[in-house]
Amino acid sequence: MLPHDALIHVALPEAWESQHQAGAYRPAGFDREGFIHCCHPQQLARVLRDHFKSVDAVLLLVLDPARLAAGVRYERAANDDYPHIYGPIETAAVTQTVPVRRADGEWRLP
């Protein structure tokens, strides 16, 4: 179970595996957008439904905001305030990784 106030970034497992040992993680869209999308548990189902339609497995990176050098900013998107990180995610800020899979067309959330 994820804490209600958990800060989460949804990562593709192969992207996390290829970058985390370098000490920082930057998803594919970071250079284009300039920030990293995050969410809280109550926003997770919508994020997965809207942005991860073409994959069957993701990795939830649970983050400690106090360990992020860039900090977190909340910005309005899709009628809700979503957390964004305007810098890479330091590996030390990741407190937990949670694999999540889709089965029978539905995401199986923790």
PDB file of N, CA and C in Angstrom:
ATOM      1  N   MET A   1       0.841  -1.180   0.000  1.00  0.00           N
ATOM      2  CA  MET A   1       0.000   0.000   0.000  1.00  0.00           C
ATOM      3  C   MET A   1       0.888   1.246   0.000  1.00  0.00           C
ATOM      4  N   LEU A   2       0.520   2.198  -0.813  1.00  0.00           N
ATOM      5  CA  LEU A   2       1.253   3.463  -0.882  1.00  0.00           C
ATOM      6  C   LEU A   2       0.663   4.449   0.121  1.00  0.00           C
ATOM      7  N   PRO A   3       1.524   5.201   0.812  1.00  0.00           N
ATOM      8  CA  PRO A   3       0.992   6.250   1.700  1.00  0.00           C
ATOM      9  C   PRO A   3       0.160   7.247   0.900  1.00  0.00           C
ATOM     10  N   HIS A   4      -0.898   7.771   1.503  1.00  0.00           N
ATOM     11  CA  HIS A   4      -1.814   8.691   0.830  1.00  0.00           C
ATOM     12  C   HIS A   4      -1.093   9.896   0.219  1.00  0.00           C
ATOM     13  N   ASP A   5      -0.069  10.398   0.890  1.00  0.00           N
ATOM     14  CA  ASP A   5       0.632  11.589   0.407  1.00  0.00           C
ATOM     15  C   ASP A   5       1.909  11.269  -0.365  1.00  0.00           C
ATOM     16  N   ALA A   6       2.087  10.007  -0.769  1.00  0.00           N
ATOM     17  CA  ALA A   6       3.305   9.620  -1.488  1.00  0.00           C
ATOM     18  C   ALA A   6       3.464  10.432  -2.771  1.00  0.00           C
ATOM     19  N   LEU A   7       4.696  10.812  -3.062  1.00  0.00           N
ATOM     20  CA  LEU A   7       5.049  11.469  -4.315  1.00  0.00           C
ATOM     21  C   LEU A   7       5.572  10.384  -5.242  1.00  0.00           C
ATOM     22  N   ILE A   8       4.940  10.234  -6.406  1.00  0.00           N
ATOM     23  CA  ILE A   8       5.228   9.117  -7.302  1.00  0.00           C
ATOM     24  C   ILE A   8       5.585   9.620  -8.692  1.00  0.00           C
ATOM     25  N   HIS A   9       6.613   9.011  -9.268  1.00  0.00           N
ATOM     26  CA  HIS A   9       6.884   9.173 -10.695  1.00  0.00           C
ATOM     27  C   HIS A   9       6.689   7.799 -11.321  1.00  0.00           C
ATOM     28  N   VAL A  10       5.939   7.734 -12.415  1.00  0.00           N
ATOM     29  CA  VAL A  10       5.727   6.483 -13.133  1.00  0.00           C
ATOM     30  C   VAL A  10       6.818   6.371 -14.188  1.00  0.00           C
ATOM     31  N   ALA A  11       7.646   5.336 -14.047  1.00  0.00           N
ATOM     32  CA  ALA A  11       8.780   5.143 -14.953  1.00  0.00           C
ATOM     33  C   ALA A  11       8.609   3.863 -15.759  1.00  0.00           C
ATOM     34  N   LEU A  12       9.208   3.850 -16.916  1.00  0.00           N
ATOM     35  CA  LEU A  12       9.311   2.600 -17.656  1.00  0.00           C
ATOM     36  C   LEU A  12      10.469   1.822 -17.042  1.00  0.00           C
ATOM     37  N   PRO A  13      10.265   0.549 -16.737  1.00  0.00           N
ATOM     38  CA  PRO A  13      11.301  -0.216 -16.036  1.00  0.00           C
ATOM     39  C   PRO A  13      12.667  -0.181 -16.717  1.00  0.00           C
ATOM     40  N   GLU A  14      12.691  -0.269 -18.033  1.00  0.00           N
ATOM     41  CA  GLU A  14      13.973  -0.282 -18.743  1.00  0.00           C
ATOM     42  C   GLU A  14      14.691   1.065 -18.651  1.00  0.00           C
ATOM     43  N   ALA A  15      13.954   2.155 -18.597  1.00  0.00           N
ATOM     44  CA  ALA A  15      14.568   3.484 -18.452  1.00  0.00           C
ATOM     45  C   ALA A  15      15.204   3.616 -17.071  1.00  0.00           C
ATOM     46  N   TRP A  16      14.490   3.200 -16.032  1.00  0.00           N
ATOM     47  CA  TRP A  16      15.036   3.249 -14.679  1.00  0.00           C
ATOM     48  C   TRP A  16      16.286   2.372 -14.569  1.00  0.00           C
ATOM     49  N   GLU A  17      16.209   1.156 -15.087  1.00  0.00           N
ATOM     50  CA  GLU A  17      17.345   0.233 -15.011  1.00  0.00           C
ATOM     51  C   GLU A  17      18.580   0.782 -15.717  1.00  0.00           C
ATOM     52  N   SER A  18      18.383   1.467 -16.818  1.00  0.00           N
ATOM     53  CA  SER A  18      19.534   1.966 -17.574  1.00  0.00           C
ATOM     54  C   SER A  18      20.158   3.221 -16.970  1.00  0.00           C
ATOM     55  N   GLN A  19      19.450   3.909 -16.060  1.00  0.00           N
ATOM     56  CA  GLN A  19      19.945   5.187 -15.550  1.00  0.00           C
ATOM     57  C   GLN A  19      20.236   5.244 -14.063  1.00  0.00           C
ATOM     58  N   HIS A  20      19.570   4.461 -13.245  1.00  0.00           N
ATOM     59  CA  HIS A  20      19.633   4.693 -11.800  1.00  0.00           C
ATOM     60  C   HIS A  20      21.021   4.509 -11.196  1.00  0.00           C
ATOM     61  N   GLN A  21      21.844   3.673 -11.775  1.00  0.00           N
ATOM     62  CA  GLN A  21      23.179   3.473 -11.211  1.00  0.00           C
ATOM     63  C   GLN A  21      24.087   4.682 -11.418  1.00  0.00           C
ATOM     64  N   ALA A  22      23.715   5.576 -12.315  1.00  0.00           N
ATOM     65  CA  ALA A  22      24.499   6.790 -12.549  1.00  0.00           C
ATOM     66  C   ALA A  22      24.241   7.853 -11.479  1.00  0.00           C
ATOM     67  N   GLY A  23      23.274   7.615 -10.603  1.00  0.00           N
ATOM     68  CA  GLY A  23      22.989   8.545  -9.516  1.00  0.00           C
ATOM     69  C   GLY A  23      21.827   9.479  -9.764  1.00  0.00           C
ATOM     70  N   ALA A  24      21.306   9.498 -10.988  1.00  0.00           N
ATOM     71  CA  ALA A  24      20.174  10.369 -11.309  1.00  0.00           C
ATOM     72  C   ALA A  24      19.383   9.763 -12.463  1.00  0.00           C
ATOM     73  N   TYR A  25      18.114  10.136 -12.526  1.00  0.00           N
ATOM     74  CA  TYR A  25      17.200   9.609 -13.539  1.00  0.00           C
ATOM     75  C   TYR A  25      16.502  10.767 -14.230  1.00  0.00           C
ATOM     76  N   ARG A  26      16.457  10.694 -15.562  1.00  0.00           N
ATOM     77  CA  ARG A  26      15.750  11.677 -16.383  1.00  0.00           C
ATOM     78  C   ARG A  26      14.926  10.915 -17.413  1.00  0.00           C
ATOM     79  N   PRO A  27      13.597  10.973 -17.343  1.00  0.00           N
ATOM     80  CA  PRO A  27      12.792  10.261 -18.331  1.00  0.00           C
ATOM     81  C   PRO A  27      12.924  10.878 -19.718  1.00  0.00           C
ATOM     82  N   ALA A  28      12.453  10.163 -20.706  1.00  0.00           N
ATOM     83  CA  ALA A  28      12.604  10.566 -22.102  1.00  0.00           C
ATOM     84  C   ALA A  28      12.106  11.980 -22.384  1.00  0.00           C
ATOM     85  N   GLY A  29      10.998  12.404 -21.821  1.00  0.00           N
ATOM     86  CA  GLY A  29      10.431  13.710 -22.125  1.00  0.00           C
ATOM     87  C   GLY A  29      11.072  14.880 -21.393  1.00  0.00           C
ATOM     88  N   PHE A  30      12.015  14.615 -20.510  1.00  0.00           N
ATOM     89  CA  PHE A  30      12.570  15.683 -19.684  1.00  0.00           C
ATOM     90  C   PHE A  30      13.240  16.791 -20.512  1.00  0.00           C
ATOM     91  N   ASP A  31      14.070  16.434 -21.468  1.00  0.00           N
ATOM     92  CA  ASP A  31      14.774  17.450 -22.261  1.00  0.00           C
ATOM     93  C   ASP A  31      13.809  18.320 -23.054  1.00  0.00           C
ATOM     94  N   ARG A  32      12.723  17.739 -23.520  1.00  0.00           N
ATOM     95  CA  ARG A  32      11.730  18.480 -24.307  1.00  0.00           C
ATOM     96  C   ARG A  32      10.850  19.363 -23.412  1.00  0.00           C
ATOM     97  N   GLU A  33      10.399  18.820 -22.281  1.00  0.00           N
ATOM     98  CA  GLU A  33       9.457  19.539 -21.429  1.00  0.00           C
ATOM     99  C   GLU A  33      10.115  20.370 -20.330  1.00  0.00           C
ATOM    100  N   GLY A  34      11.293  19.951 -19.885  1.00  0.00           N
ATOM    101  CA  GLY A  34      12.004  20.697 -18.856  1.00  0.00           C
ATOM    102  C   GLY A  34      11.613  20.338 -17.434  1.00  0.00           C
ATOM    103  N   PHE A  35      10.738  19.341 -17.279  1.00  0.00           N
ATOM    104  CA  PHE A  35      10.352  18.898 -15.943  1.00  0.00           C
ATOM    105  C   PHE A  35       9.950  17.434 -15.994  1.00  0.00           C
ATOM    106  N   ILE A  36       9.805  16.838 -14.804  1.00  0.00           N
ATOM    107  CA  ILE A  36       9.410  15.439 -14.685  1.00  0.00           C
ATOM    108  C   ILE A  36       8.018  15.389 -14.068  1.00  0.00           C
ATOM    109  N   HIS A  37       7.125  14.683 -14.732  1.00  0.00           N
ATOM    110  CA  HIS A  37       5.755  14.519 -14.250  1.00  0.00           C
ATOM    111  C   HIS A  37       5.716  13.576 -13.049  1.00  0.00           C
ATOM    112  N   CYS A  38       4.936  13.940 -12.057  1.00  0.00           N
ATOM    113  CA  CYS A  38       4.710  13.093 -10.883  1.00  0.00           C
ATOM    114  C   CYS A  38       3.234  13.133 -10.541  1.00  0.00           C
ATOM    115  N   CYS A  39       2.862  12.344  -9.552  1.00  0.00           N
ATOM    116  CA  CYS A  39       1.478  12.338  -9.095  1.00  0.00           C
ATOM    117  C   CYS A  39       1.433  11.814  -7.663  1.00  0.00           C
ATOM    118  N   HIS A  40       0.245  11.803  -7.118  1.00  0.00           N
ATOM    119  CA  HIS A  40      -0.016  11.216  -5.813  1.00  0.00           C
ATOM    120  C   HIS A  40      -0.902   9.988  -6.030  1.00  0.00           C
ATOM    121  N   PRO A  41      -1.009   9.094  -5.050  1.00  0.00           N
ATOM    122  CA  PRO A  41      -1.779   7.856  -5.253  1.00  0.00           C
ATOM    123  C   PRO A  41      -3.197   8.064  -5.781  1.00  0.00           C
ATOM    124  N   GLN A  42      -3.890   9.097  -5.341  1.00  0.00           N
ATOM    125  CA  GLN A  42      -5.260   9.321  -5.807  1.00  0.00           C
ATOM    126  C   GLN A  42      -5.316   9.768  -7.270  1.00  0.00           C
ATOM    127  N   GLN A  43      -4.191  10.164  -7.852  1.00  0.00           N
ATOM    128  CA  GLN A  43      -4.121  10.571  -9.254  1.00  0.00           C
ATOM    129  C   GLN A  43      -3.567   9.466 -10.144  1.00  0.00           C
ATOM    130  N   LEU A  44      -3.056   8.414  -9.551  1.00  0.00           N
ATOM    131  CA  LEU A  44      -2.313   7.391 -10.278  1.00  0.00           C
ATOM    132  C   LEU A  44      -3.142   6.670 -11.333  1.00  0.00           C
ATOM    133  N   ALA A  45      -4.349   6.258 -11.019  1.00  0.00           N
ATOM    134  CA  ALA A  45      -5.177   5.529 -11.990  1.00  0.00           C
ATOM    135  C   ALA A  45      -5.390   6.362 -13.253  1.00  0.00           C
ATOM    136  N   ARG A  46      -5.639   7.649 -13.087  1.00  0.00           N
ATOM    137  CA  ARG A  46      -5.845   8.528 -14.246  1.00  0.00           C
ATOM    138  C   ARG A  46      -4.565   8.663 -15.062  1.00  0.00           C
ATOM    139  N   VAL A  47      -3.440   8.832 -14.390  1.00  0.00           N
ATOM    140  CA  VAL A  47      -2.154   8.959 -15.090  1.00  0.00           C
ATOM    141  C   VAL A  47      -1.881   7.703 -15.908  1.00  0.00           C
ATOM    142  N   LEU A  48      -2.055   6.547 -15.310  1.00  0.00           N
ATOM    143  CA  LEU A  48      -1.825   5.293 -16.039  1.00  0.00           C
ATOM    144  C   LEU A  48      -2.788   5.152 -17.207  1.00  0.00           C
ATOM    145  N   ARG A  49      -4.046   5.436 -16.989  1.00  0.00           N
ATOM    146  CA  ARG A  49      -5.059   5.325 -18.045  1.00  0.00           C
ATOM    147  C   ARG A  49      -4.764   6.269 -19.213  1.00  0.00           C
ATOM    148  N   ASP A  50      -4.387   7.501 -18.906  1.00  0.00           N
ATOM    149  CA  ASP A  50      -4.225   8.514 -19.950  1.00  0.00           C
ATOM    150  C   ASP A  50      -2.861   8.503 -20.632  1.00  0.00           C
ATOM    151  N   HIS A  51      -1.816   8.051 -19.936  1.00  0.00           N
ATOM    152  CA  HIS A  51      -0.467   8.227 -20.474  1.00  0.00           C
ATOM    153  C   HIS A  51       0.324   6.937 -20.671  1.00  0.00           C
ATOM    154  N   PHE A  52      -0.220   5.809 -20.254  1.00  0.00           N
ATOM    155  CA  PHE A  52       0.516   4.552 -20.381  1.00  0.00           C
ATOM    156  C   PHE A  52      -0.352   3.477 -21.030  1.00  0.00           C
ATOM    157  N   LYS A  53      -1.044   3.862 -22.089  1.00  0.00           N
ATOM    158  CA  LYS A  53      -1.952   2.957 -22.792  1.00  0.00           C
ATOM    159  C   LYS A  53      -1.211   1.861 -23.558  1.00  0.00           C
ATOM    160  N   SER A  54       0.002   2.150 -23.977  1.00  0.00           N
ATOM    161  CA  SER A  54       0.705   1.227 -24.869  1.00  0.00           C
ATOM    162  C   SER A  54       1.710   0.327 -24.153  1.00  0.00           C
ATOM    163  N   VAL A  55       1.714   0.335 -22.827  1.00  0.00           N
ATOM    164  CA  VAL A  55       2.635  -0.543 -22.082  1.00  0.00           C
ATOM    165  C   VAL A  55       1.841  -1.398 -21.102  1.00  0.00           C
ATOM    166  N   ASP A  56       2.435  -2.514 -20.707  1.00  0.00           N
ATOM    167  CA  ASP A  56       1.772  -3.411 -19.766  1.00  0.00           C
ATOM    168  C   ASP A  56       2.468  -3.491 -18.418  1.00  0.00           C
ATOM    169  N   ALA A  57       3.601  -2.792 -18.282  1.00  0.00           N
ATOM    170  CA  ALA A  57       4.327  -2.807 -17.003  1.00  0.00           C
ATOM    171  C   ALA A  57       5.018  -1.471 -16.798  1.00  0.00           C
ATOM    172  N   VAL A  58       4.924  -0.958 -15.588  1.00  0.00           N
ATOM    173  CA  VAL A  58       5.614   0.276 -15.206  1.00  0.00           C
ATOM    174  C   VAL A  58       6.238   0.066 -13.829  1.00  0.00           C
ATOM    175  N   LEU A  59       7.048   1.019 -13.451  1.00  0.00           N
ATOM    176  CA  LEU A  59       7.674   1.006 -12.144  1.00  0.00           C
ATOM    177  C   LEU A  59       7.323   2.318 -11.451  1.00  0.00           C
ATOM    178  N   LEU A  60       6.698   2.229 -10.288  1.00  0.00           N
ATOM    179  CA  LEU A  60       6.387   3.435  -9.524  1.00  0.00           C
ATOM    180  C   LEU A  60       7.606   3.783  -8.690  1.00  0.00           C
ATOM    181  N   LEU A  61       8.137   4.978  -8.892  1.00  0.00           N
ATOM    182  CA  LEU A  61       9.237   5.469  -8.074  1.00  0.00           C
ATOM    183  C   LEU A  61       8.616   6.320  -6.981  1.00  0.00           C
ATOM    184  N   VAL A  62       8.704   5.881  -5.751  1.00  0.00           N
ATOM    185  CA  VAL A  62       8.193   6.638  -4.619  1.00  0.00           C
ATOM    186  C   VAL A  62       9.329   7.527  -4.135  1.00  0.00           C
ATOM    187  N   LEU A  63       9.071   8.829  -4.073  1.00  0.00           N
ATOM    188  CA  LEU A  63      10.129   9.811  -3.851  1.00  0.00           C
ATOM    189  C   LEU A  63      10.019  10.502  -2.500  1.00  0.00           C
ATOM    190  N   ASP A  64      11.178  10.858  -1.968  1.00  0.00           N
ATOM    191  CA  ASP A  64      11.262  11.698  -0.774  1.00  0.00           C
ATOM    192  C   ASP A  64      11.540  13.117  -1.261  1.00  0.00           C
ATOM    193  N   PRO A  65      10.556  14.009  -1.224  1.00  0.00           N
ATOM    194  CA  PRO A  65      10.746  15.364  -1.747  1.00  0.00           C
ATOM    195  C   PRO A  65      11.914  16.109  -1.098  1.00  0.00           C
ATOM    196  N   ALA A  66      12.221  15.807   0.139  1.00  0.00           N
ATOM    197  CA  ALA A  66      13.318  16.490   0.839  1.00  0.00           C
ATOM    198  C   ALA A  66      14.677  16.145   0.240  1.00  0.00           C
ATOM    199  N   ARG A  67      14.759  15.052  -0.487  1.00  0.00           N
ATOM    200  CA  ARG A  67      16.030  14.630  -1.098  1.00  0.00           C
ATOM    201  C   ARG A  67      16.179  15.076  -2.553  1.00  0.00           C
ATOM    202  N   LEU A  68      15.219  15.794  -3.071  1.00  0.00           N
ATOM    203  CA  LEU A  68      15.277  16.272  -4.459  1.00  0.00           C
ATOM    204  C   LEU A  68      15.929  17.644  -4.499  1.00  0.00           C
ATOM    205  N   ALA A  69      17.019  17.774  -5.217  1.00  0.00           N
ATOM    206  CA  ALA A  69      17.705  19.062  -5.314  1.00  0.00           C
ATOM    207  C   ALA A  69      16.821  20.113  -5.980  1.00  0.00           C
ATOM    208  N   ALA A  70      16.027  19.708  -6.965  1.00  0.00           N
ATOM    209  CA  ALA A  70      15.197  20.657  -7.713  1.00  0.00           C
ATOM    210  C   ALA A  70      13.913  21.026  -6.975  1.00  0.00           C
ATOM    211  N   GLY A  71      13.510  20.251  -6.018  1.00  0.00           N
ATOM    212  CA  GLY A  71      12.251  20.521  -5.337  1.00  0.00           C
ATOM    213  C   GLY A  71      11.060  20.168  -6.200  1.00  0.00           C
ATOM    214  N   VAL A  72       9.882  20.410  -5.665  1.00  0.00           N
ATOM    215  CA  VAL A  72       8.624  20.039  -6.325  1.00  0.00           C
ATOM    216  C   VAL A  72       7.754  21.275  -6.468  1.00  0.00           C
ATOM    217  N   ARG A  73       7.160  21.438  -7.658  1.00  0.00           N
ATOM    218  CA  ARG A  73       6.191  22.514  -7.896  1.00  0.00           C
ATOM    219  C   ARG A  73       4.871  21.897  -8.319  1.00  0.00           C
ATOM    220  N   TYR A  74       3.784  22.448  -7.832  1.00  0.00           N
ATOM    221  CA  TYR A  74       2.453  21.974  -8.219  1.00  0.00           C
ATOM    222  C   TYR A  74       1.903  22.888  -9.291  1.00  0.00           C
ATOM    223  N   GLU A  75       1.422  22.254 -10.364  1.00  0.00           N
ATOM    224  CA  GLU A  75       0.885  23.022 -11.490  1.00  0.00           C
ATOM    225  C   GLU A  75      -0.408  22.369 -11.964  1.00  0.00           C
ATOM    226  N   ARG A  76      -1.307  23.200 -12.474  1.00  0.00           N
ATOM    227  CA  ARG A  76      -2.627  22.753 -12.904  1.00  0.00           C
ATOM    228  C   ARG A  76      -2.529  22.024 -14.237  1.00  0.00           C
ATOM    229  N   ALA A  77      -3.149  20.847 -14.283  1.00  0.00           N
ATOM    230  CA  ALA A  77      -3.253  20.076 -15.524  1.00  0.00           C
ATOM    231  C   ALA A  77      -4.447  19.138 -15.374  1.00  0.00           C
ATOM    232  N   ALA A  78      -5.238  19.018 -16.412  1.00  0.00           N
ATOM    233  CA  ALA A  78      -6.390  18.106 -16.408  1.00  0.00           C
ATOM    234  C   ALA A  78      -7.269  18.294 -15.170  1.00  0.00           C
ATOM    235  N   ASN A  79      -7.551  19.543 -14.833  1.00  0.00           N
ATOM    236  CA  ASN A  79      -8.440  19.886 -13.714  1.00  0.00           C
ATOM    237  C   ASN A  79      -7.947  19.408 -12.346  1.00  0.00           C
ATOM    238  N   ASP A  80      -6.642  19.286 -12.186  1.00  0.00           N
ATOM    239  CA  ASP A  80      -6.069  18.899 -10.903  1.00  0.00           C
ATOM    240  C   ASP A  80      -4.680  19.515 -10.803  1.00  0.00           C
ATOM    241  N   ASP A  81      -4.144  19.591  -9.594  1.00  0.00           N
ATOM    242  CA  ASP A  81      -2.783  20.085  -9.394  1.00  0.00           C
ATOM    243  C   ASP A  81      -1.845  18.891  -9.310  1.00  0.00           C
ATOM    244  N   TYR A  82      -0.890  18.851 -10.240  1.00  0.00           N
ATOM    245  CA  TYR A  82       0.063  17.747 -10.303  1.00  0.00           C
ATOM    246  C   TYR A  82       1.449  18.232  -9.913  1.00  0.00           C
ATOM    247  N   PRO A  83       2.209  17.394  -9.200  1.00  0.00           N
ATOM    248  CA  PRO A  83       3.574  17.759  -8.841  1.00  0.00           C
ATOM    249  C   PRO A  83       4.524  17.564 -10.022  1.00  0.00           C
ATOM    250  N   HIS A  84       5.401  18.539 -10.204  1.00  0.00           N
ATOM    251  CA  HIS A  84       6.426  18.489 -11.243  1.00  0.00           C
ATOM    252  C   HIS A  84       7.783  18.747 -10.611  1.00  0.00           C
ATOM    253  N   ILE A  85       8.794  18.079 -11.130  1.00  0.00           N
ATOM    254  CA  ILE A  85      10.162  18.268 -10.663  1.00  0.00           C
ATOM    255  C   ILE A  85      10.958  18.883 -11.811  1.00  0.00           C
ATOM    256  N   TYR A  86      11.533  20.057 -11.590  1.00  0.00           N
ATOM    257  CA  TYR A  86      12.280  20.763 -12.628  1.00  0.00           C
ATOM    258  C   TYR A  86      13.774  20.459 -12.529  1.00  0.00           C
ATOM    259  N   GLY A  87      14.089  19.194 -12.554  1.00  0.00           N
ATOM    260  CA  GLY A  87      15.465  18.713 -12.508  1.00  0.00           C
ATOM    261  C   GLY A  87      15.417  17.200 -12.476  1.00  0.00           C
ATOM    262  N   PRO A  88      16.583  16.566 -12.538  1.00  0.00           N
ATOM    263  CA  PRO A  88      16.592  15.104 -12.494  1.00  0.00           C
ATOM    264  C   PRO A  88      16.170  14.573 -11.123  1.00  0.00           C
ATOM    265  N   ILE A  89      15.782  13.316 -11.096  1.00  0.00           N
ATOM    266  CA  ILE A  89      15.476  12.636  -9.837  1.00  0.00           C
ATOM    267  C   ILE A  89      16.757  11.965  -9.361  1.00  0.00           C
ATOM    268  N   GLU A  90      17.284  12.430  -8.244  1.00  0.00           N
ATOM    269  CA  GLU A  90      18.470  11.803  -7.685  1.00  0.00           C
ATOM    270  C   GLU A  90      18.096  10.414  -7.177  1.00  0.00           C
ATOM    271  N   THR A  91      18.939   9.442  -7.442  1.00  0.00           N
ATOM    272  CA  THR A  91      18.662   8.077  -7.018  1.00  0.00           C
ATOM    273  C   THR A  91      18.415   8.004  -5.516  1.00  0.00           C
ATOM    274  N   ALA A  92      19.113   8.809  -4.737  1.00  0.00           N
ATOM    275  CA  ALA A  92      18.951   8.813  -3.282  1.00  0.00           C
ATOM    276  C   ALA A  92      17.567   9.287  -2.857  1.00  0.00           C
ATOM    277  N   ALA A  93      16.821   9.959  -3.739  1.00  0.00           N
ATOM    278  CA  ALA A  93      15.477  10.434  -3.415  1.00  0.00           C
ATOM    279  C   ALA A  93      14.422   9.349  -3.589  1.00  0.00           C
ATOM    280  N   VAL A  94      14.787   8.246  -4.222  1.00  0.00           N
ATOM    281  CA  VAL A  94      13.836   7.152  -4.457  1.00  0.00           C
ATOM    282  C   VAL A  94      13.853   6.241  -3.232  1.00  0.00           C
ATOM    283  N   THR A  95      12.752   6.231  -2.504  1.00  0.00           N
ATOM    284  CA  THR A  95      12.674   5.444  -1.277  1.00  0.00           C
ATOM    285  C   THR A  95      12.110   4.045  -1.513  1.00  0.00           C
ATOM    286  N   GLN A  96      11.425   3.876  -2.644  1.00  0.00           N
ATOM    287  CA  GLN A  96      10.794   2.592  -2.935  1.00  0.00           C
ATOM    288  C   GLN A  96      10.530   2.506  -4.426  1.00  0.00           C
ATOM    289  N   THR A  97      10.666   1.311  -4.987  1.00  0.00           N
ATOM    290  CA  THR A  97      10.244   1.060  -6.363  1.00  0.00           C
ATOM    291  C   THR A  97       9.181  -0.033  -6.307  1.00  0.00           C
ATOM    292  N   VAL A  98       8.068   0.227  -6.995  1.00  0.00           N
ATOM    293  CA  VAL A  98       6.930  -0.689  -6.943  1.00  0.00           C
ATOM    294  C   VAL A  98       6.553  -1.081  -8.373  1.00  0.00           C
ATOM    295  N   PRO A  99       6.788  -2.335  -8.761  1.00  0.00           N
ATOM    296  CA  PRO A  99       6.368  -2.758 -10.100  1.00  0.00           C
ATOM    297  C   PRO A  99       4.848  -2.896 -10.164  1.00  0.00           C
ATOM    298  N   VAL A 100       4.288  -2.431 -11.269  1.00  0.00           N
ATOM    299  CA  VAL A 100       2.839  -2.509 -11.487  1.00  0.00           C
ATOM    300  C   VAL A 100       2.618  -3.034 -12.902  1.00  0.00           C
ATOM    301  N   ARG A 101       1.696  -3.978 -13.022  1.00  0.00           N
ATOM    302  CA  ARG A 101       1.389  -4.578 -14.325  1.00  0.00           C
ATOM    303  C   ARG A 101      -0.086  -4.393 -14.667  1.00  0.00           C
ATOM    304  N   ARG A 102      -0.346  -4.483 -15.945  1.00  0.00           N
ATOM    305  CA  ARG A 102      -1.716  -4.475 -16.443  1.00  0.00           C
ATOM    306  C   ARG A 102      -2.123  -5.932 -16.682  1.00  0.00           C
ATOM    307  N   ALA A 103      -3.308  -6.292 -16.248  1.00  0.00           N
ATOM    308  CA  ALA A 103      -3.841  -7.635 -16.477  1.00  0.00           C
ATOM    309  C   ALA A 103      -5.282  -7.490 -16.934  1.00  0.00           C
ATOM    310  N   ASP A 104      -5.614  -8.179 -17.995  1.00  0.00           N
ATOM    311  CA  ASP A 104      -6.964  -8.119 -18.561  1.00  0.00           C
ATOM    312  C   ASP A 104      -7.395  -6.681 -18.846  1.00  0.00           C
ATOM    313  N   GLY A 105      -6.442  -5.867 -19.293  1.00  0.00           N
ATOM    314  CA  GLY A 105      -6.732  -4.493 -19.658  1.00  0.00           C
ATOM    315  C   GLY A 105      -6.805  -3.512 -18.503  1.00  0.00           C
ATOM    316  N   GLU A 106      -6.620  -3.967 -17.274  1.00  0.00           N
ATOM    317  CA  GLU A 106      -6.722  -3.102 -16.086  1.00  0.00           C
ATOM    318  C   GLU A 106      -5.412  -3.089 -15.328  1.00  0.00           C
ATOM    319  N   TRP A 107      -5.028  -1.914 -14.877  1.00  0.00           N
ATOM    320  CA  TRP A 107      -3.838  -1.789 -14.037  1.00  0.00           C
ATOM    321  C   TRP A 107      -4.126  -2.341 -12.661  1.00  0.00           C
ATOM    322  N   ARG A 108      -3.228  -3.143 -12.141  1.00  0.00           N
ATOM    323  CA  ARG A 108      -3.335  -3.730 -10.797  1.00  0.00           C
ATOM    324  C   ARG A 108      -2.531  -2.869  -9.831  1.00  0.00           C
ATOM    325  N   LEU A 109      -3.202  -1.915  -9.198  1.00  0.00           N
ATOM    326  CA  LEU A 109      -2.533  -0.944  -8.338  1.00  0.00           C
ATOM    327  C   LEU A 109      -2.332  -1.489  -6.934  1.00  0.00           C
ATOM    328  N   PRO A 110      -1.235  -1.052  -6.288  1.00  0.00           N
ATOM    329  CA  PRO A 110      -0.982  -1.508  -4.917  1.00  0.00           C
ATOM    330  C   PRO A 110      -1.961  -0.902  -3.929  1.00  0.00           C
TER     331      PRO A 110
END
